[in-house]
Amino acid sequence: MGNSAASEKNLRREQMRALRRQLDPAWKAAASQTIVSRLEALPIFQQARVVHTYVAWRNEVDTHDLLRRLLQKGRRVAVPKVEPATGHLQHYFIADFSELQEGAFGILEPPSDLSRLAAPSQIDIVLVPGLAFDRAGNRLGMGKGHYDRFLAEGHAPKIALAYDFQLIEKLPVAAHDQRVAMIITEKNVISCS
């Protein structure tokens, strides 16, 4: 990826962060609820035995209530954690929302317990965060590459949860960038080509 594409990505990141910072809490809660309801209505989600989801942070589409519901229903849930020693993303199964503690960057994370490590091959569906997406499924993340490395390892369907304003015409793409199969917003469910 050239310097102009990297510059465009950084500009988009700043724009999306600014838009998310300005979200009205009541609107965010209602939009998140609509998005999660659309997700829960999908047969592909209903049939998934093992769900990997991000733990919402800084005005991302809220996954906290979804996490609690999945655990109450006895579904297996894996969540990410940035390991301080390596800076890499690891994934752990949790049994209760209360296990999550504030970790790297202020994100709620699971404890590092190797007996609960989740391998990408065990996961049936991945819920993906991002700052922006295009209809082809390209994703703009925070810029560290954590999710791209993880998404490249597994074969589970990848579903982005995003607000409609996070959809943009076309994102610049690098060779390592991973796409999502579907994007769910408060207005649409988009199957990506």
C-alpha atoms as a PDB file:
ATOM      1  CA  MET A   1       0.000   0.000   0.000  1.00  0.00           C
ATOM      2  CA  GLY A   2       1.374   3.366  -0.984  1.00  0.00           C
ATOM      3  CA  ASN A   3       1.729   6.454   1.171  1.00  0.00           C
ATOM      4  CA  SER A   4      -1.409   8.040  -0.315  1.00  0.00           C
ATOM      5  CA  ALA A   5      -3.526   5.001   0.621  1.00  0.00           C
ATOM      6  CA  ALA A   6      -2.060   4.976   4.136  1.00  0.00           C
ATOM      7  CA  SER A   7      -2.747   8.701   4.421  1.00  0.00           C
ATOM      8  CA  GLU A   8      -6.319   8.208   3.243  1.00  0.00           C
ATOM      9  CA  LYS A   9      -6.808   5.435   5.824  1.00  0.00           C
ATOM     10  CA  ASN A  10      -5.500   7.682   8.598  1.00  0.00           C
ATOM     11  CA  LEU A  11      -7.763  10.523   7.496  1.00  0.00           C
ATOM     12  CA  ARG A  12     -10.778   8.176   7.458  1.00  0.00           C
ATOM     13  CA  ARG A  13      -9.853   6.906  10.927  1.00  0.00           C
ATOM     14  CA  GLU A  14      -9.822  10.442  12.323  1.00  0.00           C
ATOM     15  CA  GLN A  15     -13.126  11.290  10.636  1.00  0.00           C
ATOM     16  CA  MET A  16     -14.849   8.164  11.973  1.00  0.00           C
ATOM     17  CA  ARG A  17     -13.449   8.574  15.478  1.00  0.00           C
ATOM     18  CA  ALA A  18     -14.756  12.152  15.522  1.00  0.00           C
ATOM     19  CA  LEU A  19     -18.204  11.051  14.339  1.00  0.00           C
ATOM     20  CA  ARG A  20     -18.373   8.292  16.953  1.00  0.00           C
ATOM     21  CA  ARG A  21     -17.316  10.682  19.736  1.00  0.00           C
ATOM     22  CA  GLN A  22     -20.306  12.897  18.877  1.00  0.00           C
ATOM     23  CA  LEU A  23     -22.934  10.142  19.111  1.00  0.00           C
ATOM     24  CA  ASP A  24     -25.945  10.884  21.268  1.00  0.00           C
ATOM     25  CA  PRO A  25     -26.074   8.139  23.951  1.00  0.00           C
ATOM     26  CA  ALA A  26     -29.815   7.524  23.475  1.00  0.00           C
ATOM     27  CA  TRP A  27     -29.421   7.253  19.673  1.00  0.00           C
ATOM     28  CA  LYS A  28     -26.422   4.935  20.081  1.00  0.00           C
ATOM     29  CA  ALA A  29     -28.343   2.661  22.453  1.00  0.00           C
ATOM     30  CA  ALA A  30     -31.351   2.463  20.122  1.00  0.00           C
ATOM     31  CA  ALA A  31     -29.211   1.897  17.004  1.00  0.00           C
ATOM     32  CA  SER A  32     -27.138  -0.779  18.780  1.00  0.00           C
ATOM     33  CA  GLN A  33     -30.307  -2.551  19.898  1.00  0.00           C
ATOM     34  CA  THR A  34     -31.676  -2.547  16.329  1.00  0.00           C
ATOM     35  CA  ILE A  35     -28.382  -3.843  14.907  1.00  0.00           C
ATOM     36  CA  VAL A  36     -28.103  -6.641  17.474  1.00  0.00           C
ATOM     37  CA  SER A  37     -31.770  -7.614  16.921  1.00  0.00           C
ATOM     38  CA  ARG A  38     -31.078  -7.907  13.174  1.00  0.00           C
ATOM     39  CA  LEU A  39     -28.063 -10.103  13.980  1.00  0.00           C
ATOM     40  CA  GLU A  40     -29.994 -12.350  16.356  1.00  0.00           C
ATOM     41  CA  ALA A  41     -32.696 -12.905  13.702  1.00  0.00           C
ATOM     42  CA  LEU A  42     -30.195 -14.367  11.211  1.00  0.00           C
ATOM     43  CA  PRO A  43     -30.250 -18.185  10.893  1.00  0.00           C
ATOM     44  CA  ILE A  44     -26.451 -18.211  10.459  1.00  0.00           C
ATOM     45  CA  PHE A  45     -26.139 -16.567  13.879  1.00  0.00           C
ATOM     46  CA  GLN A  46     -28.827 -18.696  15.522  1.00  0.00           C
ATOM     47  CA  GLN A  47     -27.064 -21.880  14.370  1.00  0.00           C
ATOM     48  CA  ALA A  48     -23.585 -20.833  15.548  1.00  0.00           C
ATOM     49  CA  ARG A  49     -22.539 -22.847  18.598  1.00  0.00           C
ATOM     50  CA  VAL A  50     -19.389 -20.813  19.273  1.00  0.00           C
ATOM     51  CA  VAL A  51     -19.557 -17.030  18.885  1.00  0.00           C
ATOM     52  CA  HIS A  52     -16.530 -14.761  18.904  1.00  0.00           C
ATOM     53  CA  THR A  53     -17.395 -11.148  19.619  1.00  0.00           C
ATOM     54  CA  TYR A  54     -15.568  -7.965  20.389  1.00  0.00           C
ATOM     55  CA  VAL A  55     -16.426  -6.241  23.671  1.00  0.00           C
ATOM     56  CA  ALA A  56     -17.783  -2.808  22.704  1.00  0.00           C
ATOM     57  CA  TRP A  57     -15.642   0.223  23.539  1.00  0.00           C
ATOM     58  CA  ARG A  58     -15.730   3.934  22.753  1.00  0.00           C
ATOM     59  CA  ASN A  59     -19.121   4.137  21.049  1.00  0.00           C
ATOM     60  CA  GLU A  60     -18.768   0.941  19.009  1.00  0.00           C
ATOM     61  CA  VAL A  61     -22.028  -0.906  18.374  1.00  0.00           C
ATOM     62  CA  ASP A  62     -22.779  -2.188  21.870  1.00  0.00           C
ATOM     63  CA  THR A  63     -22.267  -5.927  22.407  1.00  0.00           C
ATOM     64  CA  HIS A  64     -22.480  -6.034  26.223  1.00  0.00           C
ATOM     65  CA  ASP A  65     -26.141  -7.117  26.475  1.00  0.00           C
ATOM     66  CA  LEU A  66     -25.662  -9.562  23.600  1.00  0.00           C
ATOM     67  CA  LEU A  67     -22.734 -11.127  25.448  1.00  0.00           C
ATOM     68  CA  ARG A  68     -24.812 -11.513  28.605  1.00  0.00           C
ATOM     69  CA  ARG A  69     -27.718 -13.100  26.672  1.00  0.00           C
ATOM     70  CA  LEU A  70     -25.459 -15.549  24.852  1.00  0.00           C
ATOM     71  CA  LEU A  71     -23.878 -16.661  28.119  1.00  0.00           C
ATOM     72  CA  GLN A  72     -27.264 -16.972  29.865  1.00  0.00           C
ATOM     73  CA  LYS A  73     -28.443 -19.215  27.019  1.00  0.00           C
ATOM     74  CA  GLY A  74     -25.396 -21.442  27.454  1.00  0.00           C
ATOM     75  CA  ARG A  75     -23.723 -20.540  24.160  1.00  0.00           C
ATOM     76  CA  ARG A  76     -19.925 -20.683  24.055  1.00  0.00           C
ATOM     77  CA  VAL A  77     -18.467 -17.195  23.741  1.00  0.00           C
ATOM     78  CA  ALA A  78     -14.897 -16.155  23.000  1.00  0.00           C
ATOM     79  CA  VAL A  79     -13.649 -12.577  23.325  1.00  0.00           C
ATOM     80  CA  PRO A  80     -10.338 -10.912  22.403  1.00  0.00           C
ATOM     81  CA  LYS A  81      -7.544  -9.660  24.613  1.00  0.00           C
ATOM     82  CA  VAL A  82      -4.395  -7.744  23.675  1.00  0.00           C
ATOM     83  CA  GLU A  83      -1.581  -9.564  25.463  1.00  0.00           C
ATOM     84  CA  PRO A  84       0.645  -6.928  27.120  1.00  0.00           C
ATOM     85  CA  ALA A  85       3.883  -8.881  26.663  1.00  0.00           C
ATOM     86  CA  THR A  86       3.514  -9.397  22.902  1.00  0.00           C
ATOM     87  CA  GLY A  87       0.936  -6.829  21.813  1.00  0.00           C
ATOM     88  CA  HIS A  88      -0.856  -9.616  19.928  1.00  0.00           C
ATOM     89  CA  LEU A  89      -4.522 -10.451  20.100  1.00  0.00           C
ATOM     90  CA  GLN A  90      -5.473 -13.677  21.880  1.00  0.00           C
ATOM     91  CA  HIS A  91      -8.968 -15.092  22.282  1.00  0.00           C
ATOM     92  CA  TYR A  92     -10.436 -16.640  25.396  1.00  0.00           C
ATOM     93  CA  PHE A  93     -13.694 -18.343  26.282  1.00  0.00           C
ATOM     94  CA  ILE A  94     -15.614 -16.690  29.092  1.00  0.00           C
ATOM     95  CA  ALA A  95     -18.367 -18.114  31.303  1.00  0.00           C
ATOM     96  CA  ASP A  96     -19.691 -14.846  32.749  1.00  0.00           C
ATOM     97  CA  PHE A  97     -19.597 -11.176  31.788  1.00  0.00           C
ATOM     98  CA  SER A  98     -18.228 -10.332  35.249  1.00  0.00           C
ATOM     99  CA  GLU A  99     -14.928 -12.037  34.320  1.00  0.00           C
ATOM    100  CA  LEU A 100     -14.105  -9.119  32.017  1.00  0.00           C
ATOM    101  CA  GLN A 101     -11.771  -6.519  33.503  1.00  0.00           C
ATOM    102  CA  GLU A 102     -10.433  -3.264  32.105  1.00  0.00           C
ATOM    103  CA  GLY A 103      -7.258  -4.007  30.178  1.00  0.00           C
ATOM    104  CA  ALA A 104      -5.243  -2.573  27.320  1.00  0.00           C
ATOM    105  CA  PHE A 105      -6.574   0.774  26.076  1.00  0.00           C
ATOM    106  CA  GLY A 106      -9.400   0.621  28.662  1.00  0.00           C
ATOM    107  CA  ILE A 107     -11.184  -2.240  26.845  1.00  0.00           C
ATOM    108  CA  LEU A 108     -12.919  -4.916  28.929  1.00  0.00           C
ATOM    109  CA  GLU A 109     -10.903  -8.116  28.502  1.00  0.00           C
ATOM    110  CA  PRO A 110     -10.911 -11.705  29.775  1.00  0.00           C
ATOM    111  CA  PRO A 111      -8.205 -13.041  32.083  1.00  0.00           C
ATOM    112  CA  SER A 112      -5.212 -14.717  30.393  1.00  0.00           C
ATOM    113  CA  ASP A 113      -6.051 -18.342  31.164  1.00  0.00           C
ATOM    114  CA  LEU A 114      -4.410 -20.775  28.751  1.00  0.00           C
ATOM    115  CA  SER A 115      -6.991 -23.450  29.609  1.00  0.00           C
ATOM    116  CA  ARG A 116      -9.630 -21.148  28.075  1.00  0.00           C
ATOM    117  CA  LEU A 117      -7.714 -20.210  24.918  1.00  0.00           C
ATOM    118  CA  ALA A 118      -9.985 -20.282  21.848  1.00  0.00           C
ATOM    119  CA  ALA A 119      -8.486 -21.464  18.571  1.00  0.00           C
ATOM    120  CA  PRO A 120      -9.824 -19.857  15.372  1.00  0.00           C
ATOM    121  CA  SER A 121     -10.861 -23.347  14.177  1.00  0.00           C
ATOM    122  CA  GLN A 122     -13.290 -23.658  17.131  1.00  0.00           C
ATOM    123  CA  ILE A 123     -15.224 -20.516  16.233  1.00  0.00           C
ATOM    124  CA  ASP A 124     -18.456 -20.699  14.192  1.00  0.00           C
ATOM    125  CA  ILE A 125     -19.036 -16.972  13.682  1.00  0.00           C
ATOM    126  CA  VAL A 126     -16.998 -13.799  14.292  1.00  0.00           C
ATOM    127  CA  LEU A 127     -18.520 -10.411  15.121  1.00  0.00           C
ATOM    128  CA  VAL A 128     -16.119  -7.778  13.884  1.00  0.00           C
ATOM    129  CA  PRO A 129     -15.663  -4.155  14.977  1.00  0.00           C
ATOM    130  CA  GLY A 130     -14.317  -1.433  12.733  1.00  0.00           C
ATOM    131  CA  LEU A 131     -14.232   2.281  12.081  1.00  0.00           C
ATOM    132  CA  ALA A 132     -15.530   2.095   8.506  1.00  0.00           C
ATOM    133  CA  PHE A 133     -16.608  -0.459   5.906  1.00  0.00           C
ATOM    134  CA  ASP A 134     -17.474  -0.498   2.225  1.00  0.00           C
ATOM    135  CA  ARG A 135     -20.102  -2.673   0.537  1.00  0.00           C
ATOM    136  CA  ALA A 136     -17.419  -5.052  -0.750  1.00  0.00           C
ATOM    137  CA  GLY A 137     -16.686  -5.961   2.875  1.00  0.00           C
ATOM    138  CA  ASN A 138     -13.430  -4.070   3.199  1.00  0.00           C
ATOM    139  CA  ARG A 139     -12.820  -2.911   6.743  1.00  0.00           C
ATOM    140  CA  LEU A 140     -10.943  -0.015   8.292  1.00  0.00           C
ATOM    141  CA  GLY A 141      -9.715  -0.935  11.750  1.00  0.00           C
ATOM    142  CA  MET A 142      -7.733   1.002  14.332  1.00  0.00           C
ATOM    143  CA  GLY A 143      -4.504   0.559  12.390  1.00  0.00           C
ATOM    144  CA  LYS A 144      -2.639  -1.996  14.508  1.00  0.00           C
ATOM    145  CA  GLY A 145      -3.572  -5.012  12.341  1.00  0.00           C
ATOM    146  CA  HIS A 146      -4.743  -7.111  15.320  1.00  0.00           C
ATOM    147  CA  TYR A 147      -8.051  -8.123  13.779  1.00  0.00           C
ATOM    148  CA  ASP A 148      -6.645  -8.643  10.272  1.00  0.00           C
ATOM    149  CA  ARG A 149      -4.170 -11.208  11.607  1.00  0.00           C
ATOM    150  CA  PHE A 150      -6.914 -12.970  13.559  1.00  0.00           C
ATOM    151  CA  LEU A 151      -9.443 -12.924  10.711  1.00  0.00           C
ATOM    152  CA  ALA A 152      -6.851 -14.397   8.326  1.00  0.00           C
ATOM    153  CA  GLU A 153      -6.456 -17.446  10.613  1.00  0.00           C
ATOM    154  CA  GLY A 154     -10.052 -18.673  10.678  1.00  0.00           C
ATOM    155  CA  HIS A 155     -12.737 -19.711   8.230  1.00  0.00           C
ATOM    156  CA  ALA A 156     -15.820 -18.722  10.240  1.00  0.00           C
ATOM    157  CA  PRO A 157     -18.189 -16.187   8.658  1.00  0.00           C
ATOM    158  CA  LYS A 158     -17.193 -12.645   9.608  1.00  0.00           C
ATOM    159  CA  ILE A 159     -20.018 -10.223  10.359  1.00  0.00           C
ATOM    160  CA  ALA A 160     -19.425  -6.522  10.967  1.00  0.00           C
ATOM    161  CA  LEU A 161     -21.674  -4.583  13.328  1.00  0.00           C
ATOM    162  CA  ALA A 162     -21.658  -0.920  12.320  1.00  0.00           C
ATOM    163  CA  TYR A 163     -23.724   2.240  12.270  1.00  0.00           C
ATOM    164  CA  ASP A 164     -24.974   3.233   8.833  1.00  0.00           C
ATOM    165  CA  PHE A 165     -22.741   6.336   8.780  1.00  0.00           C
ATOM    166  CA  GLN A 166     -19.715   4.003   8.943  1.00  0.00           C
ATOM    167  CA  LEU A 167     -20.479   2.732   5.422  1.00  0.00           C
ATOM    168  CA  ILE A 168     -18.424   4.575   2.850  1.00  0.00           C
ATOM    169  CA  GLU A 169     -18.168   4.273  -0.922  1.00  0.00           C
ATOM    170  CA  LYS A 170     -14.733   2.673  -1.193  1.00  0.00           C
ATOM    171  CA  LEU A 171     -11.911   1.992   1.232  1.00  0.00           C
ATOM    172  CA  PRO A 172      -8.242   1.792   0.292  1.00  0.00           C
ATOM    173  CA  VAL A 173      -7.088  -1.810   0.687  1.00  0.00           C
ATOM    174  CA  ALA A 174      -3.718  -3.370   1.524  1.00  0.00           C
ATOM    175  CA  ALA A 175      -2.704  -6.973   0.824  1.00  0.00           C
ATOM    176  CA  HIS A 176      -3.074  -7.981   4.504  1.00  0.00           C
ATOM    177  CA  ASP A 177      -6.542  -6.438   4.960  1.00  0.00           C
ATOM    178  CA  GLN A 178      -9.301  -8.971   5.643  1.00  0.00           C
ATOM    179  CA  ARG A 179     -12.868  -8.586   4.427  1.00  0.00           C
ATOM    180  CA  VAL A 180     -16.147  -9.330   6.163  1.00  0.00           C
ATOM    181  CA  ALA A 181     -18.945 -11.401   4.599  1.00  0.00           C
ATOM    182  CA  MET A 182     -21.766  -9.270   5.958  1.00  0.00           C
ATOM    183  CA  ILE A 183     -22.355  -5.834   7.482  1.00  0.00           C
ATOM    184  CA  ILE A 184     -25.321  -5.167   9.759  1.00  0.00           C
ATOM    185  CA  THR A 185     -26.376  -1.576  10.380  1.00  0.00           C
ATOM    186  CA  GLU A 186     -29.463  -0.060  11.952  1.00  0.00           C
ATOM    187  CA  LYS A 187     -30.844   0.339   8.396  1.00  0.00           C
ATOM    188  CA  ASN A 188     -29.667  -2.725   6.451  1.00  0.00           C
ATOM    189  CA  VAL A 189     -28.176  -6.194   6.366  1.00  0.00           C
ATOM    190  CA  ILE A 190     -25.596  -6.145   3.578  1.00  0.00           C
ATOM    191  CA  SER A 191     -24.186  -9.308   2.041  1.00  0.00           C
ATOM    192  CA  CYS A 192     -20.762  -8.350   0.715  1.00  0.00           C
ATOM    193  CA  SER A 193     -19.652  -9.392  -2.755  1.00  0.00           C
END
